[in-house]
N, C-alpha and C. Protein backbone atom coordinates (compact mmCIF):
# COMPACT_ATOMS: atom_id res chain seq x y z
N MET A 1 98.45 114.59 45.65
CA MET A 1 97.19 115.24 44.90
C MET A 1 97.26 114.67 43.57
N ASN A 2 97.94 115.04 42.81
CA ASN A 2 97.82 114.99 41.59
C ASN A 2 98.14 112.84 41.57
N GLY A 3 98.69 112.55 42.26
CA GLY A 3 98.43 110.83 42.23
C GLY A 3 97.24 110.45 42.48
N GLN A 4 96.58 110.60 43.79
CA GLN A 4 94.83 110.46 43.81
C GLN A 4 94.66 110.36 42.68
N ARG A 5 94.34 111.77 41.85
CA ARG A 5 93.44 112.09 40.95
C ARG A 5 93.97 111.30 39.73
N GLY A 6 95.03 110.99 39.32
CA GLY A 6 95.49 109.87 38.56
C GLY A 6 94.37 108.49 38.82
N GLY A 7 94.75 108.02 40.02
CA GLY A 7 94.50 106.94 40.02
C GLY A 7 92.73 106.75 40.05
N PHE A 8 91.69 108.13 40.66
CA PHE A 8 90.56 107.78 40.55
C PHE A 8 89.94 107.96 39.04
N VAL A 9 90.77 108.45 38.52
CA VAL A 9 89.91 108.82 36.66
C VAL A 9 90.90 107.09 36.11
N MET A 10 92.19 106.84 36.66
CA MET A 10 92.15 105.25 35.92
C MET A 10 91.36 103.50 36.44
N GLY A 11 90.76 104.33 37.44
CA GLY A 11 89.46 103.26 38.06
C GLY A 11 88.36 103.13 37.64
N LEU A 12 88.11 104.84 37.07
CA LEU A 12 86.76 104.77 36.68
C LEU A 12 87.06 103.98 35.11
N VAL A 13 87.96 104.01 34.68
CA VAL A 13 87.92 104.20 33.22
C VAL A 13 88.07 102.51 33.23
N VAL A 14 88.66 101.61 34.06
CA VAL A 14 88.67 100.46 34.29
C VAL A 14 87.25 99.71 34.59
N GLY A 15 86.49 100.68 35.73
CA GLY A 15 84.58 100.20 35.67
C GLY A 15 83.84 100.41 34.54
N LEU A 16 84.65 101.26 34.07
CA LEU A 16 83.39 101.51 32.86
C LEU A 16 83.48 100.46 31.57
N LEU A 17 85.18 99.99 31.47
CA LEU A 17 85.83 98.87 30.61
C LEU A 17 84.62 97.32 30.61
N ALA A 18 84.68 97.41 32.08
CA ALA A 18 84.42 96.04 32.85
C ALA A 18 83.15 96.04 32.80
N GLY A 19 82.13 97.51 33.03
CA GLY A 19 81.01 97.01 31.95
C GLY A 19 80.62 96.88 31.51
N LEU A 20 80.90 97.45 30.19
CA LEU A 20 80.64 97.44 28.68
C LEU A 20 81.29 95.48 28.43
N ALA A 21 82.07 95.41 28.98
CA ALA A 21 82.39 93.35 28.54
C ALA A 21 81.13 92.97 29.48
N LEU A 22 80.98 93.18 30.34
CA LEU A 22 79.86 92.45 31.14
C LEU A 22 78.33 92.57 30.26
N ALA A 23 77.94 93.78 29.97
CA ALA A 23 77.09 94.12 28.93
C ALA A 23 76.86 92.99 27.93
N LEU A 24 78.37 93.35 26.68
CA LEU A 24 78.38 92.42 25.54
C LEU A 24 78.49 91.39 26.23
N GLY A 25 78.68 90.96 27.03
CA GLY A 25 78.47 88.70 27.25
C GLY A 25 76.54 88.30 27.89
N VAL A 26 76.27 89.53 28.41
CA VAL A 26 74.89 89.41 28.40
C VAL A 26 74.02 89.36 26.93
N ALA A 27 74.20 89.88 26.43
CA ALA A 27 73.67 90.40 25.21
C ALA A 27 73.57 89.53 24.31
N LEU A 28 75.17 88.32 24.40
CA LEU A 28 75.50 87.52 23.46
C LEU A 28 74.63 86.17 23.84
N TYR A 29 74.79 86.05 25.70
CA TYR A 29 74.09 84.97 26.07
C TYR A 29 72.65 84.94 25.46
N ILE A 30 71.81 86.13 25.61
CA ILE A 30 70.27 86.37 25.81
C ILE A 30 70.32 85.88 23.80
N THR A 31 71.03 86.25 23.07
CA THR A 31 70.66 86.29 21.68
C THR A 31 70.49 84.54 21.26
N LYS A 32 71.99 83.99 21.73
CA LYS A 32 72.56 82.52 21.39
C LYS A 32 70.87 81.46 21.69
N ALA A 33 70.42 82.17 23.57
CA ALA A 33 69.77 81.18 24.09
C ALA A 33 67.67 80.83 23.33
N PRO A 34 67.38 80.05 22.95
CA PRO A 34 66.19 79.95 22.84
C PRO A 34 65.07 81.07 23.68
N VAL A 35 64.55 81.13 22.58
CA VAL A 35 63.02 82.22 23.19
C VAL A 35 61.85 81.11 23.89
N PRO A 36 61.47 81.70 25.15
CA PRO A 36 60.20 80.58 25.31
C PRO A 36 59.17 80.62 24.51
N PHE A 37 58.61 79.96 24.68
CA PHE A 37 56.95 79.20 24.04
C PHE A 37 56.85 79.70 22.31
N ILE A 38 58.31 80.09 21.78
CA ILE A 38 58.51 80.09 20.53
C ILE A 38 59.33 79.35 19.98
N ASN A 39 60.65 79.20 20.36
CA ASN A 39 61.38 77.89 19.92
C ASN A 39 61.20 77.15 20.65
N LYS A 40 60.40 76.77 21.43
CA LYS A 40 59.76 75.35 21.84
C LYS A 40 59.44 74.59 21.06
N VAL A 41 58.56 74.70 19.87
CA VAL A 41 58.09 74.12 18.82
C VAL A 41 58.37 73.87 17.73
N PRO A 42 58.28 72.95 16.89
CA PRO A 42 59.30 72.87 16.21
C PRO A 42 58.72 73.18 14.86
N GLN A 43 59.89 74.03 13.89
CA GLN A 43 59.41 74.02 12.72
C GLN A 43 58.87 72.96 11.91
N ARG A 44 57.47 73.01 10.81
CA ARG A 44 57.38 72.13 9.93
C ARG A 44 58.01 72.49 8.51
N THR A 45 58.15 71.63 7.94
CA THR A 45 59.21 71.32 6.77
C THR A 45 57.86 71.48 5.44
N ALA A 46 58.79 72.18 4.38
CA ALA A 46 57.99 71.86 3.37
C ALA A 46 57.28 70.40 3.05
N GLU A 47 58.15 69.32 2.85
CA GLU A 47 57.83 68.32 2.88
C GLU A 47 56.74 67.36 3.81
N GLN A 48 56.73 68.19 4.94
CA GLN A 48 55.79 68.01 5.80
C GLN A 48 54.32 68.37 5.65
N ASP A 49 54.54 70.13 4.79
CA ASP A 49 52.82 70.52 4.43
C ASP A 49 52.83 69.65 2.98
N THR A 50 53.44 68.93 2.28
CA THR A 50 52.93 68.91 1.22
C THR A 50 52.30 67.46 1.45
N ALA A 51 52.87 66.77 1.93
CA ALA A 51 52.12 65.47 2.52
C ALA A 51 50.97 65.53 3.35
N GLU A 52 50.80 66.77 4.64
CA GLU A 52 49.35 66.94 4.88
C GLU A 52 48.62 67.57 3.82
N ALA A 53 48.95 68.34 3.20
CA ALA A 53 47.85 68.56 2.05
C ALA A 53 47.69 67.01 0.67
N GLU A 54 48.30 66.64 0.97
CA GLU A 54 47.44 65.14 -0.30
C GLU A 54 46.42 64.64 1.32
N ARG A 55 47.16 64.55 1.95
CA ARG A 55 46.26 63.72 3.18
C ARG A 55 44.89 64.39 3.35
N ASN A 56 44.56 65.71 3.01
CA ASN A 56 43.36 66.38 3.50
C ASN A 56 42.24 66.01 2.26
N ARG A 57 43.77 66.26 0.65
CA ARG A 57 42.92 66.37 -0.55
C ARG A 57 41.86 64.80 -0.78
N ASN A 58 42.49 63.49 0.17
CA ASN A 58 42.28 62.12 -0.50
C ASN A 58 41.12 61.79 1.27
N TRP A 59 40.61 62.73 1.71
CA TRP A 59 40.19 62.09 3.02
C TRP A 59 38.63 61.96 2.99
N ASP A 60 38.51 61.29 3.61
CA ASP A 60 36.45 60.62 2.95
C ASP A 60 36.06 60.80 4.29
N PRO A 61 35.03 61.73 4.53
CA PRO A 61 33.87 61.56 5.93
C PRO A 61 33.79 60.43 6.49
N ASN A 62 33.34 59.84 5.12
CA ASN A 62 32.73 58.40 5.39
C ASN A 62 33.42 57.52 5.91
N GLY A 63 34.84 57.45 5.84
CA GLY A 63 35.81 56.12 5.66
C GLY A 63 35.91 55.20 7.04
N PRO A 64 35.50 56.22 7.88
CA PRO A 64 35.36 55.22 9.20
C PRO A 64 34.72 54.55 9.52
N LEU A 65 33.54 54.74 8.93
CA LEU A 65 32.30 54.11 8.97
C LEU A 65 32.25 52.49 8.38
N GLY A 66 32.79 52.64 7.33
CA GLY A 66 32.87 51.22 6.17
C GLY A 66 34.50 50.22 6.78
N GLY A 67 35.33 51.20 7.33
CA GLY A 67 36.53 50.43 7.40
C GLY A 67 37.65 51.34 6.30
N LYS A 68 38.69 51.29 6.28
CA LYS A 68 39.51 52.07 5.74
C LYS A 68 39.75 51.78 4.34
N TRP A 69 39.31 53.30 3.97
CA TRP A 69 39.48 52.87 2.03
C TRP A 69 40.91 52.91 1.29
N VAL A 70 40.96 51.69 0.65
CA VAL A 70 42.16 51.98 -0.25
C VAL A 70 41.63 51.97 -1.35
N PRO A 71 42.12 53.43 -2.20
CA PRO A 71 42.09 53.34 -3.57
C PRO A 71 42.64 52.00 -4.30
N ARG A 72 41.84 51.60 -5.57
CA ARG A 72 42.69 50.92 -6.97
C ARG A 72 43.43 51.51 -7.23
N PRO A 73 44.88 50.54 -7.80
CA PRO A 73 45.47 51.07 -9.37
C PRO A 73 44.63 50.91 -10.30
N ALA A 74 44.78 52.37 -11.09
CA ALA A 74 44.59 52.77 -13.10
C ALA A 74 44.85 51.16 -13.23
N ALA A 75 45.77 50.57 -13.30
CA ALA A 75 46.27 49.55 -14.59
C ALA A 75 45.57 48.35 -14.08
N ALA A 76 45.30 48.21 -12.46
CA ALA A 76 44.43 46.91 -12.41
C ALA A 76 42.60 47.06 -12.92
N VAL A 77 42.38 48.38 -12.88
CA VAL A 77 40.71 48.71 -13.51
C VAL A 77 40.99 48.45 -14.93
N ALA A 78 41.57 49.08 -15.75
CA ALA A 78 41.79 48.67 -17.11
C ALA A 78 42.51 47.58 -17.45
N SER A 79 43.48 46.28 -16.78
CA SER A 79 43.62 45.15 -17.24
C SER A 79 42.67 44.02 -16.93
N GLY A 80 41.37 44.94 -16.23
CA GLY A 80 40.29 43.95 -15.71
C GLY A 80 40.17 42.85 -14.68
N THR A 81 41.63 43.09 -13.95
CA THR A 81 41.46 41.92 -13.03
C THR A 81 40.35 41.27 -11.69
N VAL A 82 39.76 40.91 -11.70
CA VAL A 82 38.54 40.13 -10.83
C VAL A 82 39.13 39.74 -9.69
N ALA A 83 40.34 38.72 -9.82
CA ALA A 83 40.79 37.95 -8.27
C ALA A 83 40.98 38.37 -7.33
N ALA A 84 41.73 39.88 -7.42
CA ALA A 84 41.83 40.52 -5.72
C ALA A 84 40.23 40.79 -5.58
N ALA A 85 39.82 41.56 -6.44
CA ALA A 85 38.42 42.33 -5.79
C ALA A 85 37.96 41.13 -5.91
N ALA A 86 37.68 39.83 -6.02
CA ALA A 86 36.86 38.69 -5.66
C ALA A 86 37.30 38.44 -4.20
N SER A 87 37.98 38.20 -3.48
CA SER A 87 39.12 38.16 -2.49
C SER A 87 38.68 38.86 -1.28
N SER A 88 38.38 40.10 -1.46
CA SER A 88 38.27 40.50 -0.88
C SER A 88 36.32 40.77 -0.14
N PRO A 89 36.40 40.42 0.92
CA PRO A 89 34.27 40.39 1.69
C PRO A 89 33.22 41.60 1.10
N ALA A 90 34.30 42.70 0.62
CA ALA A 90 33.39 43.89 0.39
C ALA A 90 32.80 44.28 -1.44
N ALA A 91 33.80 43.48 -2.00
CA ALA A 91 33.24 43.09 -3.30
C ALA A 91 31.95 41.84 -3.65
N VAL A 92 32.01 40.72 -2.68
CA VAL A 92 31.25 39.84 -2.79
C VAL A 92 29.64 41.01 -3.45
N PRO A 93 29.21 40.71 -4.58
CA PRO A 93 27.99 41.14 -5.19
C PRO A 93 26.95 40.72 -4.04
N PRO A 94 25.63 41.50 -3.54
CA PRO A 94 24.91 41.35 -3.14
C PRO A 94 23.71 39.76 -3.44
N ALA A 95 23.06 39.03 -2.75
CA ALA A 95 22.41 38.04 -3.16
C ALA A 95 21.74 38.35 -3.68
N PRO A 96 20.81 37.38 -4.75
CA PRO A 96 19.24 38.18 -5.28
C PRO A 96 18.33 38.58 -4.34
N PRO A 97 17.25 39.42 -4.29
CA PRO A 97 16.10 38.98 -2.89
C PRO A 97 15.19 37.57 -3.45
N VAL A 98 14.65 37.24 -2.70
CA VAL A 98 14.03 36.24 -2.59
C VAL A 98 12.70 36.60 -2.76
N ALA A 99 12.52 35.85 -4.26
CA ALA A 99 10.62 35.99 -4.15
C ALA A 99 9.79 35.89 -2.75
N ALA A 100 8.79 36.25 -2.25
CA ALA A 100 7.92 36.22 -1.33
C ALA A 100 7.23 35.22 -1.98
N ALA A 101 6.73 34.02 -1.02
CA ALA A 101 6.03 32.86 -1.28
C ALA A 101 4.60 33.27 -1.65
N PRO A 102 3.90 33.38 -2.88
CA PRO A 102 2.59 33.77 -2.62
C PRO A 102 1.59 32.74 -1.11
N ALA A 103 0.65 34.16 -0.85
CA ALA A 103 -0.40 33.75 0.51
C ALA A 103 -1.15 33.09 -0.11
N LYS A 104 -1.08 31.40 0.60
CA LYS A 104 -2.58 30.56 0.19
C LYS A 104 -3.56 31.15 0.51
N ALA A 105 -4.70 31.18 -0.47
CA ALA A 105 -6.34 31.14 -0.22
C ALA A 105 -6.41 30.73 0.83
N PRO A 106 -7.49 31.20 1.10
CA PRO A 106 -8.44 30.82 2.32
C PRO A 106 -9.12 29.29 2.08
N ALA A 107 -8.90 28.55 3.39
CA ALA A 107 -10.01 27.27 2.74
C ALA A 107 -11.61 27.17 2.77
N ARG A 108 -12.06 26.99 1.60
CA ARG A 108 -13.17 27.38 1.16
C ARG A 108 -14.31 26.00 2.92
N ASP A 109 -15.20 26.81 3.55
CA ASP A 109 -16.15 25.92 3.95
C ASP A 109 -16.53 25.25 3.13
N PRO A 110 -16.89 23.87 3.83
CA PRO A 110 -17.61 22.91 2.45
C PRO A 110 -19.39 23.48 2.64
N ALA A 111 -19.54 23.24 3.82
CA ALA A 111 -20.90 23.80 4.51
C ALA A 111 -21.94 25.16 3.75
N ALA A 112 -20.33 25.84 3.65
CA ALA A 112 -20.74 27.28 2.73
C ALA A 112 -21.23 27.03 1.35
N VAL A 113 -20.40 26.13 0.63
CA VAL A 113 -20.65 26.25 -0.98
C VAL A 113 -22.07 26.53 -1.62
N PRO A 114 -22.93 25.26 -0.55
CA PRO A 114 -23.82 25.20 -1.91
C PRO A 114 -24.74 26.64 -1.22
N SER A 115 -24.54 27.31 -0.14
CA SER A 115 -25.50 28.59 0.19
C SER A 115 -24.73 29.89 -0.42
N GLY A 116 -23.77 29.65 -1.52
CA GLY A 116 -23.02 30.36 -2.50
C GLY A 116 -22.58 31.48 -2.14
N SER A 117 -21.54 31.11 -0.81
CA SER A 117 -20.94 32.21 -0.02
C SER A 117 -19.53 31.44 0.28
N SER A 118 -18.47 32.01 -0.23
CA SER A 118 -17.18 31.61 -0.15
C SER A 118 -16.61 31.45 1.02
N THR A 119 -17.15 31.80 2.12
CA THR A 119 -16.21 32.17 3.08
C THR A 119 -17.20 31.82 4.42
N ALA A 120 -17.17 31.38 5.40
CA ALA A 120 -18.35 31.67 6.36
C ALA A 120 -18.87 32.96 7.03
N ALA A 121 -20.08 33.47 7.08
CA ALA A 121 -20.20 34.94 7.37
C ALA A 121 -20.30 35.00 8.86
N ALA A 122 -19.46 35.90 9.32
CA ALA A 122 -19.48 36.04 10.38
C ALA A 122 -20.38 36.31 11.44
N PRO A 123 -20.99 36.01 12.56
CA PRO A 123 -22.17 35.92 13.49
C PRO A 123 -21.88 37.81 13.73
N ALA A 124 -23.13 38.11 13.31
CA ALA A 124 -23.86 39.40 13.76
C ALA A 124 -23.56 40.11 14.96
N ALA A 125 -22.89 41.20 15.50
CA ALA A 125 -23.01 41.28 16.43
C ALA A 125 -24.21 41.94 16.90
N GLY A 126 -24.57 41.65 18.40
CA GLY A 126 -26.01 42.06 18.92
C GLY A 126 -25.68 43.51 19.68
N PRO A 127 -26.83 43.95 19.76
CA PRO A 127 -26.86 45.44 19.97
C PRO A 127 -26.39 45.61 21.53
N ALA A 128 -25.75 47.18 21.34
CA ALA A 128 -24.69 47.25 22.49
C ALA A 128 -25.39 47.42 24.07
N THR A 129 -25.34 46.69 25.25
CA THR A 129 -26.38 46.81 26.04
C THR A 129 -26.13 48.33 26.62
N PRO A 130 -27.45 49.15 26.48
CA PRO A 130 -26.98 50.43 27.43
C PRO A 130 -26.65 50.69 28.89
N PRO A 131 -25.31 51.52 29.63
CA PRO A 131 -24.76 51.55 30.71
C PRO A 131 -26.38 51.58 31.69
N VAL A 132 -26.93 51.15 32.70
CA VAL A 132 -27.57 51.07 33.21
C VAL A 132 -27.23 51.92 34.46
N ASP A 133 -28.87 53.23 34.77
CA ASP A 133 -28.41 54.50 35.49
C ASP A 133 -28.94 54.30 36.76
N ALA A 134 -28.08 54.78 37.52
CA ALA A 134 -27.54 54.47 39.26
C ALA A 134 -29.30 54.97 39.50
N PHE A 135 -29.90 56.13 38.49
CA PHE A 135 -30.56 56.69 39.50
C PHE A 135 -32.27 56.70 38.85
N VAL A 136 -33.23 56.68 39.94
CA VAL A 136 -34.45 56.58 39.03
C VAL A 136 -34.68 58.10 39.33
N TYR A 137 -36.14 58.76 38.71
CA TYR A 137 -36.53 59.83 38.19
C TYR A 137 -38.08 59.72 38.07
N PHE A 138 -38.67 60.82 39.31
CA PHE A 138 -39.78 61.19 39.45
C PHE A 138 -40.19 62.86 38.94
N VAL A 139 -41.57 62.98 38.54
CA VAL A 139 -41.85 64.27 38.29
C VAL A 139 -42.91 65.05 39.24
N GLN A 140 -42.22 65.75 40.07
CA GLN A 140 -43.15 66.12 41.18
C GLN A 140 -43.33 67.08 40.80
N ALA A 141 -44.96 67.74 40.97
CA ALA A 141 -46.26 68.70 40.71
C ALA A 141 -46.67 68.90 41.59
N GLY A 142 -45.86 69.19 42.68
CA GLY A 142 -45.96 70.24 44.16
C GLY A 142 -45.74 69.51 45.02
N ALA A 143 -45.53 70.26 46.35
CA ALA A 143 -45.11 70.31 47.81
C ALA A 143 -46.13 71.00 48.59
N TYR A 144 -47.11 70.56 49.39
CA TYR A 144 -48.21 71.01 49.87
C TYR A 144 -47.64 70.69 51.38
N THR A 145 -48.26 71.51 52.35
CA THR A 145 -47.87 71.03 54.17
C THR A 145 -49.53 70.66 54.39
N ARG A 146 -50.22 70.58 53.66
CA ARG A 146 -51.49 69.84 53.69
C ARG A 146 -52.17 68.79 53.03
N ASN A 147 -52.78 67.43 53.63
CA ASN A 147 -53.38 66.83 52.85
C ASN A 147 -54.16 67.22 51.35
N GLU A 148 -55.09 68.29 51.90
CA GLU A 148 -56.15 68.22 51.37
C GLU A 148 -56.24 69.15 50.00
N ASP A 149 -54.92 69.69 50.43
CA ASP A 149 -54.27 70.60 49.02
C ASP A 149 -53.08 69.14 48.15
N ALA A 150 -52.62 68.58 48.68
CA ALA A 150 -52.19 67.75 47.59
C ALA A 150 -52.93 66.59 47.15
N GLU A 151 -54.15 66.32 47.79
CA GLU A 151 -55.51 65.36 46.99
C GLU A 151 -55.98 65.81 46.07
N GLN A 152 -56.05 67.34 46.07
CA GLN A 152 -56.58 67.99 44.92
C GLN A 152 -55.90 68.40 43.76
N GLN A 153 -54.40 68.34 44.00
CA GLN A 153 -53.47 68.37 42.87
C GLN A 153 -53.51 67.26 42.31
N ARG A 154 -53.79 66.25 43.05
CA ARG A 154 -53.83 64.21 42.54
C ARG A 154 -54.96 64.26 41.61
N ALA A 155 -55.65 64.88 42.35
CA ALA A 155 -57.22 64.85 41.33
C ALA A 155 -57.23 65.33 40.14
N ARG A 156 -56.52 66.70 40.54
CA ARG A 156 -56.33 67.35 38.89
C ARG A 156 -55.71 66.73 37.93
N LEU A 157 -54.65 65.95 38.89
CA LEU A 157 -53.67 65.83 37.46
C LEU A 157 -54.22 64.26 36.82
N ALA A 158 -55.37 63.27 37.76
CA ALA A 158 -56.17 62.76 37.46
C ALA A 158 -56.90 62.84 36.03
N LEU A 159 -57.61 64.22 36.07
CA LEU A 159 -58.46 64.98 35.05
C LEU A 159 -57.49 64.48 33.70
N MET A 160 -56.40 64.56 34.11
CA MET A 160 -55.38 65.33 32.44
C MET A 160 -55.22 63.68 31.97
N GLY A 161 -55.43 62.31 32.53
CA GLY A 161 -55.07 61.26 32.72
C GLY A 161 -53.63 60.68 32.66
N GLN A 162 -53.13 61.82 34.24
CA GLN A 162 -52.16 61.32 34.42
C GLN A 162 -51.89 61.05 36.30
N SER A 163 -51.35 59.82 36.68
CA SER A 163 -51.77 58.89 38.01
C SER A 163 -50.30 59.11 38.70
N ALA A 164 -50.83 60.20 39.37
CA ALA A 164 -50.12 60.70 40.93
C ALA A 164 -50.11 59.54 42.41
N ARG A 165 -49.21 59.76 42.83
CA ARG A 165 -48.77 59.25 44.72
C ARG A 165 -48.33 60.23 45.60
N ILE A 166 -48.79 60.16 45.94
CA ILE A 166 -48.69 61.36 47.15
C ILE A 166 -47.62 60.81 48.60
N THR A 167 -46.82 61.67 48.61
CA THR A 167 -45.92 60.75 49.67
C THR A 167 -45.75 61.54 50.17
N GLU A 168 -45.63 61.50 52.16
CA GLU A 168 -45.16 62.37 52.79
C GLU A 168 -43.55 61.96 53.33
N ARG A 169 -42.89 63.45 53.94
CA ARG A 169 -41.67 63.97 54.25
C ARG A 169 -41.40 64.98 55.35
N GLU A 170 -40.50 64.61 56.41
CA GLU A 170 -40.68 65.67 57.38
C GLU A 170 -39.87 66.61 57.21
N GLN A 171 -40.01 67.63 56.94
CA GLN A 171 -39.14 68.88 56.88
C GLN A 171 -39.28 69.84 57.78
N VAL A 172 -38.11 70.68 58.70
CA VAL A 172 -37.83 71.50 59.37
C VAL A 172 -38.96 70.89 60.52
N GLY A 173 -39.23 69.99 61.09
CA GLY A 173 -39.83 69.66 61.99
C GLY A 173 -41.46 69.93 61.17
N ARG A 174 -41.93 69.61 60.09
CA ARG A 174 -43.29 69.73 59.66
C ARG A 174 -43.57 68.44 58.39
N THR A 175 -44.63 68.34 58.33
CA THR A 175 -44.69 67.42 57.26
C THR A 175 -45.61 67.59 55.94
N VAL A 176 -44.44 66.99 55.08
CA VAL A 176 -44.48 67.79 54.35
C VAL A 176 -45.46 66.87 52.69
N TYR A 177 -46.77 67.03 52.40
CA TYR A 177 -47.27 66.40 51.36
C TYR A 177 -46.41 66.75 49.64
N ARG A 178 -45.99 65.36 49.36
CA ARG A 178 -45.73 65.80 47.90
C ARG A 178 -46.09 65.22 46.75
N VAL A 179 -46.27 65.62 45.55
CA VAL A 179 -47.57 64.20 44.31
C VAL A 179 -46.32 64.18 43.38
N ARG A 180 -46.13 63.35 43.37
CA ARG A 180 -45.12 62.46 42.63
C ARG A 180 -45.47 62.06 41.45
N LEU A 181 -45.57 61.86 40.06
CA LEU A 181 -45.22 60.76 39.29
C LEU A 181 -44.16 60.00 38.55
N GLY A 182 -44.36 58.62 38.11
CA GLY A 182 -43.24 58.20 38.54
C GLY A 182 -43.09 56.57 38.90
N PRO A 183 -42.32 56.30 39.38
CA PRO A 183 -40.59 56.22 38.90
C PRO A 183 -40.32 55.90 37.62
N PHE A 184 -39.25 56.52 36.93
CA PHE A 184 -39.15 56.42 35.54
C PHE A 184 -37.68 56.02 35.42
N PRO A 185 -37.10 54.84 34.77
CA PRO A 185 -36.59 54.64 34.53
C PRO A 185 -34.71 55.00 33.96
N THR A 186 -35.25 56.48 33.29
CA THR A 186 -34.36 57.20 32.20
C THR A 186 -35.11 58.66 32.42
N ARG A 187 -33.85 59.80 32.27
CA ARG A 187 -34.50 61.40 32.37
C ARG A 187 -34.55 61.30 31.03
N GLU A 188 -34.68 60.79 30.30
CA GLU A 188 -35.42 61.31 28.90
C GLU A 188 -36.83 60.99 29.17
N GLU A 189 -37.25 60.05 29.48
CA GLU A 189 -38.65 59.65 30.00
C GLU A 189 -39.24 60.76 31.40
N ALA A 190 -38.79 61.38 32.11
CA ALA A 190 -39.34 62.26 32.84
C ALA A 190 -39.33 63.63 31.89
N ASP A 191 -38.13 63.78 31.40
CA ASP A 191 -38.27 64.93 30.54
C ASP A 191 -39.50 65.04 29.43
N THR A 192 -39.91 64.23 29.14
CA THR A 192 -41.25 63.99 28.06
C THR A 192 -41.88 64.26 29.23
N LEU A 193 -42.69 64.09 30.13
CA LEU A 193 -43.67 63.80 31.26
C LEU A 193 -43.29 65.59 31.75
N LEU A 194 -42.63 65.62 31.87
CA LEU A 194 -42.45 67.05 32.44
C LEU A 194 -42.73 68.18 31.31
N GLY A 195 -42.58 68.13 29.79
CA GLY A 195 -42.84 68.87 28.76
C GLY A 195 -44.22 69.17 28.52
N GLN A 196 -44.71 67.65 29.08
CA GLN A 196 -46.35 67.65 28.98
C GLN A 196 -47.48 68.63 30.29
N LEU A 197 -46.78 68.26 31.02
CA LEU A 197 -47.15 68.88 32.34
C LEU A 197 -47.21 70.52 32.16
N GLN A 198 -45.81 71.00 32.09
CA GLN A 198 -45.69 72.89 31.25
C GLN A 198 -46.97 73.04 30.34
N GLU A 199 -47.15 72.61 29.39
CA GLU A 199 -47.81 72.43 28.19
C GLU A 199 -49.51 72.94 29.06
N GLN A 200 -49.59 72.05 30.07
CA GLN A 200 -50.78 72.63 30.32
C GLN A 200 -50.95 73.48 31.96
N ARG A 201 -49.48 74.01 31.86
CA ARG A 201 -49.65 75.30 33.01
C ARG A 201 -49.53 74.66 34.24
N VAL A 202 -49.01 73.13 34.37
CA VAL A 202 -48.67 72.80 35.56
C VAL A 202 -47.56 72.75 35.94
N ASP A 203 -46.62 73.17 37.49
CA ASP A 203 -45.86 73.66 37.57
C ASP A 203 -45.25 72.54 38.40
N ALA A 204 -43.74 71.57 37.61
CA ALA A 204 -43.38 70.40 37.44
C ALA A 204 -41.94 70.48 37.84
N GLN A 205 -41.45 69.62 38.74
CA GLN A 205 -40.19 69.55 38.47
C GLN A 205 -39.61 68.41 38.51
N ILE A 206 -38.31 67.67 38.14
CA ILE A 206 -37.78 66.29 37.76
C ILE A 206 -36.40 66.05 39.57
N VAL A 207 -37.23 65.05 39.72
CA VAL A 207 -36.56 64.60 41.05
C VAL A 207 -35.74 63.86 41.22
N ARG A 208 -34.53 63.41 41.49
CA ARG A 208 -33.41 62.28 40.97
C ARG A 208 -33.17 61.69 42.48
N VAL A 209 -33.94 60.21 42.78
CA VAL A 209 -33.59 59.34 43.26
C VAL A 209 -32.56 58.14 43.05
N GLU A 210 -31.77 57.89 44.17
CA GLU A 210 -30.57 56.68 43.90
C GLU A 210 -31.90 55.44 43.62
N ARG A 211 -31.42 54.94 42.83
CA ARG A 211 -31.88 53.36 43.07
C ARG A 211 -31.44 52.08 44.24
N PRO A 212 -32.48 51.78 44.39
CA PRO A 212 -32.72 50.78 45.35
C PRO A 212 -31.51 49.63 45.75
C-alpha cells in the first residue's frame, strides 16, 4: 500500500510539472507570434510623416487641370534668367488682341440722294387681312306657326326701316315661319342691329349659320 501511494503522488507531481511546461511553451509562442489585423499593417516612420506633411503643404488643387506645377528656384528669379522660361510653352506671352476692322458703311443708293434720303425707304406694309369667318349671322325677330303672324312682324319691322325676310322650316312635323334680317358677315354687325331692335322693344336673337 505504501508503494502504490508513493507512485500516485510521484505521478501527480510529474503531471503537474509537465502541464506547467506545456502552458509556458504555449504562452511564449503566442507572445512571439504576430497579432492578426494589427501587426500586418506596416508602421510609418518619422521621415515618412515629414515627407507626407511637405507634400500636403505644397499641394495645389488646380494642378491637375494645367499640368504638373514645378516651382521655380529663387536664384533663377533673382538673376533674371529668361531663357529657361522662354523655352516653356506656358511662358509664351499671349498675343495682343487684334482690333476688329471697322464696319463698312452701307452704300448709298444714287437714286435716293436727290430725294434727301441716305438709304432707300422700306416699302410700307399693307394692312393685315382679317381672317374670314366661317359663319354668317342673322337677326331673327320671331318664329311663328302661321304665315299671317310672320307677315305682320315683317310689316312692323318695315315701319322701323328694317327689311326682313320670311323663311319656312319643318320642325316636329309643323311648318315654322321665321322672320330674319341679314345675313351679316360679322358678329359685330349683327350685334349692332340686335341692340337697335331691343331699344324698340322687339324680341330678337342672333342665329349663326355656316357659310356656304
